[in-house]
Amino acid sequence: MTRRGRGYAVVFALGAVAALSSGCAKAPADPPLIQPTTVTAEHQDQRITLPVTVAVAFHHPALSDRTEYAVLFTVQQAMRSMVEGEYAGTAKDPELTEYWTGSGLTEVDAQISQWTGHQQQPVGTIVLEDTEYTPLDDGRAAQVSFCADWSHVVRGESRTHVVGAAVQPKTAHPAYEQLGLVRESNRHWAVDALTVTADSAQCPKG
């Protein structure tokens, strides 16, 4: 069964923000369930806010069980580690191998290289919305998809700190991203597949 969350408006912010990611790299040993207000409730996780000039807003469905919590927590942390790599200019962050594996790790390295190869950094707020979660293989795998809206993000030059053009023109659709996840032998979830479709008609324009 696929579970889906609606997208909703996010306040765009730039500049120095609190570095909330430092204590949240690992899932707690016994993470509390996030209690939804209704079956269709949505939540914005502040734990993936990144320091300095880039942030990620992740909108997802209300969490129905611990497996869904673990899967969406992994997606949250995987996307945070990817954007951290894009901002820091390195694909060598150890957190990448904690949340990405196999062809997923290869693809995320390629995504980061699109920034580092041009000595650029993302500056702004990336909004991940219209999230869909589908459990697979009796809880041993899952698929998560969402629309990634980059219309509030510009390309910053890492050498000069000058901001340039928007990553996603206002006339373009957000990117449609599909992540495949597997539960490894240690019961840790990891993203093993990533497909990104830019300017996807499947995602409504902001």
N, C-alpha and C. Protein backbone atom coordinates (compact mmCIF):
# COMPACT_ATOMS: atom_id res chain seq x y z
N MET A 1 0.84 -1.19 0.00
CA MET A 1 0.00 0.00 0.00
C MET A 1 0.88 1.24 0.00
N THR A 2 0.59 2.17 -0.87
CA THR A 2 1.34 3.42 -0.94
C THR A 2 0.67 4.46 -0.06
N ARG A 3 1.49 5.15 0.73
CA ARG A 3 0.99 6.24 1.57
C ARG A 3 1.57 7.54 1.05
N ARG A 4 0.75 8.56 0.99
CA ARG A 4 1.15 9.81 0.37
C ARG A 4 0.85 10.99 1.28
N GLY A 5 1.72 12.01 1.20
CA GLY A 5 1.49 13.25 1.94
C GLY A 5 1.40 14.43 1.00
N ARG A 6 0.46 15.35 1.24
CA ARG A 6 0.34 16.56 0.44
C ARG A 6 1.51 17.48 0.70
N GLY A 7 1.85 18.30 -0.29
CA GLY A 7 2.83 19.35 -0.07
C GLY A 7 2.14 20.57 0.53
N TYR A 8 2.88 21.42 1.24
CA TYR A 8 2.30 22.65 1.73
C TYR A 8 3.37 23.71 1.79
N ALA A 9 2.97 24.95 2.01
CA ALA A 9 3.89 26.08 1.86
C ALA A 9 4.96 26.07 2.93
N VAL A 10 6.15 26.51 2.55
CA VAL A 10 7.28 26.61 3.46
C VAL A 10 7.83 28.02 3.39
N VAL A 11 8.19 28.59 4.53
CA VAL A 11 8.83 29.90 4.53
C VAL A 11 10.27 29.74 4.10
N PHE A 12 10.66 30.49 3.09
CA PHE A 12 12.02 30.44 2.56
C PHE A 12 12.93 31.30 3.40
N ALA A 13 14.09 30.77 3.76
CA ALA A 13 15.03 31.52 4.60
C ALA A 13 16.44 31.30 4.12
N LEU A 14 17.24 32.34 4.21
CA LEU A 14 18.66 32.27 3.91
C LEU A 14 19.43 32.81 5.09
N GLY A 15 20.74 32.65 5.03
CA GLY A 15 21.60 33.18 6.07
C GLY A 15 21.91 32.14 7.11
N ALA A 16 22.55 32.56 8.20
CA ALA A 16 22.99 31.62 9.24
C ALA A 16 21.78 31.06 9.95
N VAL A 17 21.75 29.74 10.08
CA VAL A 17 20.70 29.06 10.83
C VAL A 17 21.36 28.12 11.80
N ALA A 18 20.59 27.67 12.79
CA ALA A 18 21.16 26.79 13.82
C ALA A 18 21.60 25.48 13.20
N ALA A 19 22.74 24.98 13.64
CA ALA A 19 23.26 23.72 13.11
C ALA A 19 22.63 22.58 13.86
N LEU A 20 21.43 22.21 13.45
CA LEU A 20 20.68 21.18 14.16
C LEU A 20 21.05 19.79 13.73
N SER A 21 21.83 19.66 12.67
CA SER A 21 22.10 18.33 12.13
C SER A 21 23.14 17.59 12.93
N SER A 22 23.93 18.28 13.74
CA SER A 22 25.10 17.66 14.34
C SER A 22 24.75 16.51 15.27
N GLY A 23 23.62 16.61 15.99
CA GLY A 23 23.30 15.55 16.93
C GLY A 23 22.32 14.55 16.39
N CYS A 24 22.05 14.55 15.10
CA CYS A 24 20.97 13.74 14.57
C CYS A 24 21.42 12.81 13.45
N ALA A 25 22.69 12.55 13.35
CA ALA A 25 23.17 11.75 12.23
C ALA A 25 22.71 10.31 12.33
N LYS A 26 22.52 9.80 13.56
CA LYS A 26 22.14 8.41 13.73
C LYS A 26 20.75 8.34 14.32
N ALA A 27 20.00 7.33 13.92
CA ALA A 27 18.70 7.12 14.53
C ALA A 27 18.89 6.72 15.98
N PRO A 28 18.06 7.25 16.90
CA PRO A 28 18.20 6.84 18.30
C PRO A 28 17.92 5.36 18.43
N ALA A 29 18.46 4.76 19.49
CA ALA A 29 18.31 3.32 19.67
C ALA A 29 16.84 2.93 19.76
N ASP A 30 16.04 3.76 20.39
CA ASP A 30 14.61 3.48 20.52
C ASP A 30 13.84 4.74 20.17
N PRO A 31 13.74 5.08 18.89
CA PRO A 31 13.15 6.36 18.50
C PRO A 31 11.66 6.41 18.81
N PRO A 32 11.21 7.52 19.38
CA PRO A 32 9.77 7.65 19.66
C PRO A 32 9.00 7.83 18.37
N LEU A 33 7.80 7.29 18.33
CA LEU A 33 6.95 7.51 17.17
C LEU A 33 6.45 8.94 17.18
N ILE A 34 6.36 9.56 16.02
CA ILE A 34 5.81 10.90 15.91
C ILE A 34 4.30 10.76 15.80
N GLN A 35 3.60 11.30 16.76
CA GLN A 35 2.15 11.12 16.80
C GLN A 35 1.46 12.06 15.82
N PRO A 36 0.73 11.51 14.85
CA PRO A 36 0.00 12.37 13.91
C PRO A 36 -1.24 12.97 14.55
N THR A 37 -1.68 14.10 14.06
CA THR A 37 -2.92 14.68 14.55
C THR A 37 -4.12 14.08 13.83
N THR A 38 -3.94 13.73 12.56
CA THR A 38 -4.97 13.03 11.81
C THR A 38 -4.27 12.04 10.90
N VAL A 39 -5.05 11.20 10.26
CA VAL A 39 -4.46 10.19 9.39
C VAL A 39 -3.75 10.81 8.20
N THR A 40 -4.13 12.04 7.84
CA THR A 40 -3.50 12.70 6.69
C THR A 40 -2.55 13.81 7.13
N ALA A 41 -2.22 13.83 8.41
CA ALA A 41 -1.34 14.89 8.90
C ALA A 41 0.02 14.82 8.25
N GLU A 42 0.69 15.95 8.18
CA GLU A 42 2.03 16.01 7.63
C GLU A 42 2.93 16.72 8.61
N HIS A 43 4.21 16.50 8.45
CA HIS A 43 5.17 17.03 9.41
C HIS A 43 6.36 17.60 8.66
N GLN A 44 6.91 18.65 9.19
CA GLN A 44 8.15 19.21 8.65
C GLN A 44 9.24 18.92 9.66
N ASP A 45 10.21 18.12 9.28
CA ASP A 45 11.27 17.74 10.20
C ASP A 45 12.36 18.80 10.21
N GLN A 46 12.60 19.40 11.37
CA GLN A 46 13.63 20.41 11.49
C GLN A 46 15.01 19.79 11.64
N ARG A 47 15.06 18.47 11.87
CA ARG A 47 16.36 17.84 12.13
C ARG A 47 17.28 17.85 10.92
N ILE A 48 16.75 18.11 9.73
CA ILE A 48 17.63 18.09 8.58
C ILE A 48 18.03 19.49 8.14
N THR A 49 17.77 20.49 8.99
CA THR A 49 18.26 21.82 8.68
C THR A 49 19.78 21.82 8.70
N LEU A 50 20.37 22.36 7.69
CA LEU A 50 21.82 22.37 7.57
C LEU A 50 22.38 23.71 8.01
N PRO A 51 23.65 23.75 8.42
CA PRO A 51 24.23 25.01 8.88
C PRO A 51 24.50 25.98 7.74
N VAL A 52 24.58 27.23 8.07
CA VAL A 52 25.04 28.34 7.23
C VAL A 52 24.01 28.77 6.19
N THR A 53 24.05 28.27 4.96
CA THR A 53 23.23 28.89 3.92
C THR A 53 22.37 27.92 3.13
N VAL A 54 22.21 26.70 3.57
CA VAL A 54 21.36 25.77 2.84
C VAL A 54 20.51 25.00 3.83
N ALA A 55 19.26 24.74 3.46
CA ALA A 55 18.35 24.00 4.33
C ALA A 55 17.48 23.09 3.47
N VAL A 56 16.96 22.04 4.11
CA VAL A 56 16.07 21.10 3.43
C VAL A 56 14.79 20.99 4.24
N ALA A 57 13.65 21.20 3.61
CA ALA A 57 12.36 20.99 4.26
C ALA A 57 11.76 19.71 3.70
N PHE A 58 11.54 18.73 4.56
CA PHE A 58 11.06 17.41 4.14
C PHE A 58 9.64 17.22 4.65
N HIS A 59 8.69 17.16 3.74
CA HIS A 59 7.29 16.98 4.09
C HIS A 59 6.89 15.55 3.77
N HIS A 60 6.33 14.86 4.76
CA HIS A 60 6.02 13.44 4.57
C HIS A 60 4.70 13.09 5.24
N PRO A 61 4.13 11.93 4.93
CA PRO A 61 2.87 11.53 5.55
C PRO A 61 3.03 11.31 7.05
N ALA A 62 1.90 11.31 7.75
CA ALA A 62 1.93 10.90 9.14
C ALA A 62 2.49 9.48 9.23
N LEU A 63 3.21 9.21 10.30
CA LEU A 63 3.90 7.92 10.42
C LEU A 63 2.99 6.89 11.06
N SER A 64 2.82 5.75 10.40
CA SER A 64 1.84 4.76 10.87
C SER A 64 2.46 3.66 11.71
N ASP A 65 3.76 3.37 11.53
CA ASP A 65 4.39 2.31 12.31
C ASP A 65 5.90 2.53 12.34
N ARG A 66 6.59 1.67 13.08
CA ARG A 66 8.02 1.85 13.28
C ARG A 66 8.82 1.63 11.99
N THR A 67 8.34 0.74 11.13
CA THR A 67 9.05 0.53 9.87
C THR A 67 9.00 1.79 9.01
N GLU A 68 7.82 2.39 8.92
CA GLU A 68 7.70 3.62 8.14
C GLU A 68 8.57 4.72 8.75
N TYR A 69 8.58 4.78 10.08
CA TYR A 69 9.45 5.77 10.76
C TYR A 69 10.90 5.54 10.35
N ALA A 70 11.36 4.29 10.42
CA ALA A 70 12.77 3.99 10.11
C ALA A 70 13.10 4.31 8.66
N VAL A 71 12.18 3.99 7.75
CA VAL A 71 12.43 4.25 6.33
C VAL A 71 12.51 5.75 6.07
N LEU A 72 11.53 6.51 6.57
CA LEU A 72 11.53 7.95 6.30
C LEU A 72 12.65 8.66 7.04
N PHE A 73 13.03 8.14 8.21
CA PHE A 73 14.20 8.70 8.90
C PHE A 73 15.44 8.51 8.03
N THR A 74 15.58 7.34 7.44
CA THR A 74 16.73 7.07 6.58
C THR A 74 16.73 7.98 5.36
N VAL A 75 15.56 8.16 4.74
CA VAL A 75 15.48 9.07 3.59
C VAL A 75 15.87 10.48 4.01
N GLN A 76 15.34 10.91 5.14
CA GLN A 76 15.66 12.24 5.66
C GLN A 76 17.17 12.42 5.83
N GLN A 77 17.81 11.46 6.47
CA GLN A 77 19.24 11.56 6.73
C GLN A 77 20.06 11.38 5.45
N ALA A 78 19.58 10.54 4.55
CA ALA A 78 20.28 10.34 3.27
C ALA A 78 20.29 11.63 2.46
N MET A 79 19.15 12.30 2.39
CA MET A 79 19.08 13.55 1.65
C MET A 79 19.90 14.64 2.33
N ARG A 80 19.88 14.66 3.65
CA ARG A 80 20.70 15.63 4.38
C ARG A 80 22.17 15.42 4.08
N SER A 81 22.62 14.16 4.10
CA SER A 81 24.04 13.90 3.85
C SER A 81 24.42 14.25 2.42
N MET A 82 23.50 14.04 1.46
CA MET A 82 23.79 14.40 0.09
C MET A 82 23.96 15.91 -0.06
N VAL A 83 23.03 16.67 0.53
CA VAL A 83 23.11 18.13 0.40
C VAL A 83 24.31 18.67 1.16
N GLU A 84 24.64 18.05 2.29
CA GLU A 84 25.86 18.45 3.00
C GLU A 84 27.08 18.25 2.11
N GLY A 85 27.12 17.12 1.39
CA GLY A 85 28.23 16.87 0.48
C GLY A 85 28.28 17.88 -0.63
N GLU A 86 27.11 18.26 -1.16
CA GLU A 86 27.06 19.26 -2.22
C GLU A 86 27.54 20.62 -1.71
N TYR A 87 27.16 20.93 -0.48
CA TYR A 87 27.55 22.23 0.08
C TYR A 87 29.02 22.23 0.49
N ALA A 88 29.48 21.14 1.10
CA ALA A 88 30.87 21.09 1.57
C ALA A 88 31.86 20.85 0.44
N GLY A 89 31.35 20.39 -0.70
CA GLY A 89 32.24 20.17 -1.84
C GLY A 89 33.00 18.87 -1.79
N THR A 90 32.41 17.84 -1.14
CA THR A 90 33.10 16.56 -1.07
C THR A 90 32.10 15.42 -1.06
N ALA A 91 32.46 14.33 -1.72
CA ALA A 91 31.63 13.12 -1.69
C ALA A 91 32.24 12.10 -0.74
N LYS A 92 33.15 12.54 0.13
CA LYS A 92 33.86 11.63 1.02
C LYS A 92 33.31 11.63 2.43
N ASP A 93 32.18 12.31 2.66
CA ASP A 93 31.59 12.35 3.99
C ASP A 93 31.22 10.94 4.42
N PRO A 94 31.70 10.50 5.61
CA PRO A 94 31.39 9.12 6.05
C PRO A 94 29.90 8.86 6.21
N GLU A 95 29.10 9.90 6.42
CA GLU A 95 27.67 9.69 6.57
C GLU A 95 27.03 9.22 5.27
N LEU A 96 27.65 9.51 4.15
CA LEU A 96 27.10 9.05 2.87
C LEU A 96 27.04 7.53 2.84
N THR A 97 28.10 6.87 3.28
CA THR A 97 28.12 5.40 3.26
C THR A 97 27.28 4.80 4.37
N GLU A 98 26.85 5.62 5.31
CA GLU A 98 25.96 5.12 6.35
C GLU A 98 24.53 5.02 5.85
N TYR A 99 24.14 5.91 4.95
CA TYR A 99 22.76 5.95 4.49
C TYR A 99 22.58 5.60 3.01
N TRP A 100 23.68 5.48 2.28
CA TRP A 100 23.62 5.12 0.86
C TRP A 100 24.46 3.87 0.62
N THR A 101 24.04 3.03 -0.32
CA THR A 101 24.78 1.81 -0.62
C THR A 101 24.57 1.44 -2.09
N GLY A 102 25.44 0.60 -2.62
CA GLY A 102 25.28 0.08 -3.98
C GLY A 102 25.17 1.16 -5.04
N SER A 103 24.23 0.95 -5.97
CA SER A 103 24.06 1.92 -7.06
C SER A 103 23.54 3.25 -6.55
N GLY A 104 22.87 3.23 -5.40
CA GLY A 104 22.42 4.48 -4.80
C GLY A 104 23.59 5.37 -4.42
N LEU A 105 24.65 4.76 -3.86
CA LEU A 105 25.84 5.51 -3.50
C LEU A 105 26.54 6.05 -4.74
N THR A 106 26.59 5.23 -5.80
CA THR A 106 27.19 5.69 -7.05
C THR A 106 26.44 6.89 -7.61
N GLU A 107 25.12 6.84 -7.57
CA GLU A 107 24.31 7.93 -8.11
C GLU A 107 24.44 9.20 -7.26
N VAL A 108 24.48 9.05 -5.94
CA VAL A 108 24.60 10.25 -5.12
C VAL A 108 25.97 10.89 -5.29
N ASP A 109 27.00 10.09 -5.51
CA ASP A 109 28.32 10.65 -5.82
C ASP A 109 28.26 11.48 -7.10
N ALA A 110 27.51 10.99 -8.10
CA ALA A 110 27.37 11.72 -9.35
C ALA A 110 26.61 13.03 -9.15
N GLN A 111 25.58 12.99 -8.28
CA GLN A 111 24.83 14.20 -7.99
C GLN A 111 25.72 15.25 -7.34
N ILE A 112 26.55 14.83 -6.39
CA ILE A 112 27.45 15.75 -5.70
C ILE A 112 28.49 16.31 -6.67
N SER A 113 28.97 15.46 -7.57
CA SER A 113 30.00 15.89 -8.53
C SER A 113 29.50 16.98 -9.46
N GLN A 114 28.18 17.03 -9.69
CA GLN A 114 27.63 18.10 -10.53
C GLN A 114 27.87 19.47 -9.90
N TRP A 115 27.99 19.50 -8.58
CA TRP A 115 28.29 20.74 -7.87
C TRP A 115 29.79 20.95 -7.72
N THR A 116 30.46 19.93 -7.22
CA THR A 116 31.89 20.08 -6.95
C THR A 116 32.69 20.28 -8.23
N GLY A 117 32.24 19.68 -9.33
CA GLY A 117 32.95 19.82 -10.59
C GLY A 117 32.97 21.24 -11.12
N HIS A 118 31.99 22.04 -10.69
CA HIS A 118 31.92 23.44 -11.11
C HIS A 118 32.27 24.38 -9.96
N GLN A 119 32.74 23.80 -8.85
CA GLN A 119 33.09 24.58 -7.65
C GLN A 119 31.93 25.48 -7.23
N GLN A 120 30.76 24.85 -7.15
CA GLN A 120 29.55 25.56 -6.76
C GLN A 120 28.93 24.91 -5.54
N GLN A 121 28.07 25.66 -4.85
CA GLN A 121 27.35 25.19 -3.68
C GLN A 121 25.88 25.58 -3.80
N PRO A 122 24.97 24.75 -3.29
CA PRO A 122 23.57 25.17 -3.25
C PRO A 122 23.36 26.18 -2.14
N VAL A 123 22.60 27.23 -2.42
CA VAL A 123 22.30 28.27 -1.44
C VAL A 123 20.80 28.50 -1.44
N GLY A 124 20.14 28.22 -0.33
CA GLY A 124 18.70 28.41 -0.25
C GLY A 124 18.02 27.26 0.47
N THR A 125 16.75 27.05 0.18
CA THR A 125 15.96 26.01 0.82
C THR A 125 15.39 25.06 -0.23
N ILE A 126 15.69 23.79 -0.09
CA ILE A 126 15.18 22.74 -0.97
C ILE A 126 13.94 22.15 -0.30
N VAL A 127 12.85 22.07 -1.02
CA VAL A 127 11.60 21.56 -0.46
C VAL A 127 11.29 20.20 -1.07
N LEU A 128 11.20 19.19 -0.21
CA LEU A 128 10.84 17.84 -0.63
C LEU A 128 9.39 17.61 -0.22
N GLU A 129 8.50 17.43 -1.18
CA GLU A 129 7.08 17.36 -0.86
C GLU A 129 6.38 16.32 -1.74
N ASP A 130 5.07 16.15 -1.51
CA ASP A 130 4.29 15.12 -2.21
C ASP A 130 4.95 13.75 -2.06
N THR A 131 5.37 13.46 -0.85
CA THR A 131 6.09 12.22 -0.56
C THR A 131 5.16 11.02 -0.59
N GLU A 132 5.61 9.95 -1.23
CA GLU A 132 4.88 8.68 -1.24
C GLU A 132 5.78 7.58 -0.70
N TYR A 133 5.22 6.77 0.18
CA TYR A 133 5.95 5.65 0.79
C TYR A 133 5.25 4.35 0.44
N THR A 134 6.01 3.38 -0.07
CA THR A 134 5.45 2.08 -0.43
C THR A 134 6.32 0.98 0.17
N PRO A 135 5.79 0.21 1.15
CA PRO A 135 6.56 -0.93 1.67
C PRO A 135 6.58 -2.07 0.66
N LEU A 136 7.70 -2.79 0.60
CA LEU A 136 7.87 -3.88 -0.35
C LEU A 136 8.47 -5.10 0.33
N ASP A 137 8.28 -6.26 -0.28
CA ASP A 137 8.97 -7.49 0.14
C ASP A 137 8.79 -7.77 1.63
N ASP A 138 7.53 -7.70 2.09
CA ASP A 138 7.21 -8.01 3.49
C ASP A 138 8.04 -7.20 4.47
N GLY A 139 8.23 -5.93 4.16
CA GLY A 139 8.94 -5.06 5.10
C GLY A 139 10.44 -5.08 4.99
N ARG A 140 10.98 -5.81 4.01
CA ARG A 140 12.45 -5.87 3.86
C ARG A 140 12.97 -4.84 2.85
N ALA A 141 12.06 -4.18 2.16
CA ALA A 141 12.45 -3.15 1.19
C ALA A 141 11.33 -2.12 1.14
N ALA A 142 11.63 -0.99 0.53
CA ALA A 142 10.63 0.07 0.43
C ALA A 142 11.00 1.00 -0.72
N GLN A 143 10.01 1.73 -1.18
CA GLN A 143 10.25 2.77 -2.18
C GLN A 143 9.65 4.07 -1.65
N VAL A 144 10.40 5.14 -1.79
CA VAL A 144 9.94 6.47 -1.39
C VAL A 144 10.16 7.40 -2.57
N SER A 145 9.17 8.18 -2.90
CA SER A 145 9.30 9.16 -3.97
C SER A 145 8.81 10.51 -3.47
N PHE A 146 9.30 11.57 -4.09
CA PHE A 146 8.85 12.91 -3.73
C PHE A 146 9.21 13.87 -4.85
N CYS A 147 8.64 15.06 -4.78
CA CYS A 147 9.00 16.14 -5.69
C CYS A 147 10.00 17.04 -4.98
N ALA A 148 11.12 17.29 -5.61
CA ALA A 148 12.17 18.13 -5.03
C ALA A 148 12.13 19.50 -5.71
N ASP A 149 11.65 20.48 -4.97
CA ASP A 149 11.51 21.84 -5.50
C ASP A 149 12.78 22.64 -5.18
N TRP A 150 13.54 22.96 -6.22
CA TRP A 150 14.78 23.73 -6.09
C TRP A 150 14.60 25.17 -6.54
N SER A 151 13.37 25.64 -6.64
CA SER A 151 13.15 26.98 -7.19
C SER A 151 13.61 28.09 -6.26
N HIS A 152 13.84 27.75 -4.97
CA HIS A 152 14.33 28.74 -4.01
C HIS A 152 15.82 28.54 -3.72
N VAL A 153 16.51 27.88 -4.63
CA VAL A 153 17.95 27.61 -4.45
C VAL A 153 18.71 28.21 -5.61
N VAL A 154 19.80 28.89 -5.31
CA VAL A 154 20.67 29.44 -6.35
C VAL A 154 22.03 28.77 -6.27
N ARG A 155 22.79 28.92 -7.32
CA ARG A 155 24.14 28.35 -7.36
C ARG A 155 25.14 29.36 -6.80
N GLY A 156 25.79 28.98 -5.70
CA GLY A 156 26.80 29.85 -5.11
C GLY A 156 28.19 29.43 -5.54
N GLU A 157 29.03 30.38 -5.88
CA GLU A 157 30.41 30.08 -6.25
C GLU A 157 31.22 29.87 -4.97
N SER A 158 31.75 28.66 -4.78
CA SER A 158 32.44 28.34 -3.53
C SER A 158 33.71 29.14 -3.33
N ARG A 159 34.33 29.61 -4.43
CA ARG A 159 35.58 30.38 -4.30
C ARG A 159 35.32 31.85 -4.00
N THR A 160 34.31 32.42 -4.63
CA THR A 160 34.06 33.86 -4.49
C THR A 160 32.88 34.17 -3.58
N HIS A 161 32.06 33.15 -3.27
CA HIS A 161 30.85 33.32 -2.45
C HIS A 161 29.84 34.25 -3.12
N VAL A 162 29.88 34.32 -4.43
CA VAL A 162 28.91 35.09 -5.20
C VAL A 162 27.80 34.15 -5.65
N VAL A 163 26.55 34.57 -5.47
CA VAL A 163 25.43 33.71 -5.87
C VAL A 163 25.08 33.98 -7.32
N GLY A 164 24.66 32.91 -8.00
CA GLY A 164 24.34 33.01 -9.41
C GLY A 164 22.90 32.68 -9.71
N ALA A 165 22.68 31.94 -10.78
CA ALA A 165 21.33 31.66 -11.27
C ALA A 165 20.62 30.63 -10.40
N ALA A 166 19.30 30.64 -10.48
CA ALA A 166 18.49 29.66 -9.76
C ALA A 166 18.71 28.28 -10.35
N VAL A 167 18.70 27.28 -9.49
CA VAL A 167 18.86 25.90 -9.95
C VAL A 167 17.66 25.47 -10.79
N GLN A 168 16.48 25.84 -10.34
CA GLN A 168 15.24 25.47 -11.04
C GLN A 168 14.49 26.74 -11.44
N PRO A 169 14.41 27.04 -12.72
CA PRO A 169 13.67 28.24 -13.15
C PRO A 169 12.21 28.18 -12.68
N LYS A 170 11.62 29.33 -12.46
CA LYS A 170 10.23 29.38 -12.00
C LYS A 170 9.27 28.74 -13.00
N THR A 171 9.69 28.67 -14.26
CA THR A 171 8.83 28.09 -15.29
C THR A 171 8.94 26.57 -15.36
N ALA A 172 9.86 25.99 -14.61
CA ALA A 172 10.10 24.54 -14.67
C ALA A 172 9.36 23.82 -13.55
N HIS A 173 9.10 22.54 -13.78
CA HIS A 173 8.54 21.69 -12.75
C HIS A 173 9.66 21.26 -11.79
N PRO A 174 9.31 20.91 -10.55
CA PRO A 174 10.31 20.31 -9.67
C PRO A 174 10.80 18.97 -10.23
N ALA A 175 11.89 18.49 -9.68
CA ALA A 175 12.40 17.17 -10.06
C ALA A 175 11.61 16.09 -9.33
N TYR A 176 11.39 14.97 -10.00
CA TYR A 176 10.74 13.82 -9.38
C TYR A 176 11.82 12.82 -9.02
N GLU A 177 11.91 12.48 -7.73
CA GLU A 177 12.97 11.60 -7.26
C GLU A 177 12.38 10.33 -6.66
N GLN A 178 12.96 9.20 -7.04
CA GLN A 178 12.53 7.90 -6.52
C GLN A 178 13.72 7.23 -5.84
N LEU A 179 13.51 6.82 -4.60
CA LEU A 179 14.55 6.16 -3.83
C LEU A 179 14.11 4.74 -3.50
N GLY A 180 14.97 3.77 -3.75
CA GLY A 180 14.75 2.40 -3.32
C GLY A 180 15.55 2.14 -2.07
N LEU A 181 14.96 1.50 -1.09
CA LEU A 181 15.64 1.23 0.17
C LEU A 181 15.60 -0.25 0.49
N VAL A 182 16.64 -0.73 1.15
CA VAL A 182 16.70 -2.11 1.61
C VAL A 182 17.05 -2.12 3.09
N ARG A 183 16.54 -3.13 3.78
CA ARG A 183 16.91 -3.31 5.18
C ARG A 183 18.04 -4.33 5.23
N GLU A 184 19.19 -3.89 5.71
CA GLU A 184 20.38 -4.73 5.71
C GLU A 184 20.34 -5.73 6.86
N SER A 185 21.34 -6.60 6.91
CA SER A 185 21.35 -7.68 7.89
C SER A 185 21.37 -7.16 9.33
N ASN A 186 21.91 -5.97 9.53
CA ASN A 186 21.94 -5.38 10.88
C ASN A 186 20.66 -4.59 11.19
N ARG A 187 19.64 -4.75 10.32
CA ARG A 187 18.35 -4.09 10.44
C ARG A 187 18.43 -2.58 10.17
N HIS A 188 19.57 -2.14 9.70
CA HIS A 188 19.76 -0.74 9.33
C HIS A 188 19.26 -0.55 7.90
N TRP A 189 18.49 0.50 7.66
CA TRP A 189 18.00 0.80 6.32
C TRP A 189 19.02 1.64 5.56
N ALA A 190 19.10 1.44 4.25
CA ALA A 190 19.99 2.22 3.41
C ALA A 190 19.34 2.41 2.04
N VAL A 191 19.67 3.51 1.39
CA VAL A 191 19.17 3.80 0.04
C VAL A 191 20.07 3.11 -0.97
N ASP A 192 19.51 2.18 -1.75
CA ASP A 192 20.34 1.46 -2.73
C ASP A 192 19.99 1.80 -4.17
N ALA A 193 19.10 2.77 -4.37
CA ALA A 193 18.76 3.20 -5.73
C ALA A 193 18.23 4.62 -5.68
N LEU A 194 18.62 5.42 -6.66
CA LEU A 194 18.15 6.80 -6.77
C LEU A 194 17.95 7.14 -8.24
N THR A 195 16.75 7.58 -8.56
CA THR A 195 16.44 8.04 -9.91
C THR A 195 15.90 9.46 -9.83
N VAL A 196 16.49 10.36 -10.59
CA VAL A 196 16.08 11.77 -10.58
C VAL A 196 15.61 12.16 -11.98
N THR A 197 14.37 12.63 -12.07
CA THR A 197 13.82 13.11 -13.34
C THR A 197 13.61 14.61 -13.22
N ALA A 198 14.46 15.39 -13.88
CA ALA A 198 14.37 16.84 -13.80
C ALA A 198 13.15 17.35 -14.56
N ASP A 199 12.62 18.49 -14.10
CA ASP A 199 11.50 19.16 -14.78
C ASP A 199 10.40 18.17 -15.11
N SER A 200 9.96 17.44 -14.07
CA SER A 200 8.99 16.36 -14.28
C SER A 200 7.56 16.89 -14.23
N ALA A 201 6.78 16.56 -15.25
CA ALA A 201 5.37 16.95 -15.27
C ALA A 201 4.58 16.25 -14.17
N GLN A 202 5.19 15.24 -13.54
CA GLN A 202 4.54 14.55 -12.43
C GLN A 202 4.48 15.44 -11.19
N CYS A 203 5.29 16.50 -11.17
CA CYS A 203 5.34 17.40 -10.03
C CYS A 203 4.76 18.76 -10.42
N PRO A 204 3.79 19.25 -9.65
CA PRO A 204 3.20 20.55 -9.99
C PRO A 204 4.20 21.69 -9.77
N LYS A 205 4.10 22.70 -10.58
CA LYS A 205 4.93 23.89 -10.39
C LYS A 205 4.50 24.60 -9.12
N GLY A 206 5.51 25.22 -8.45
CA GLY A 206 5.24 25.90 -7.20
C GLY A 206 4.18 26.96 -7.29
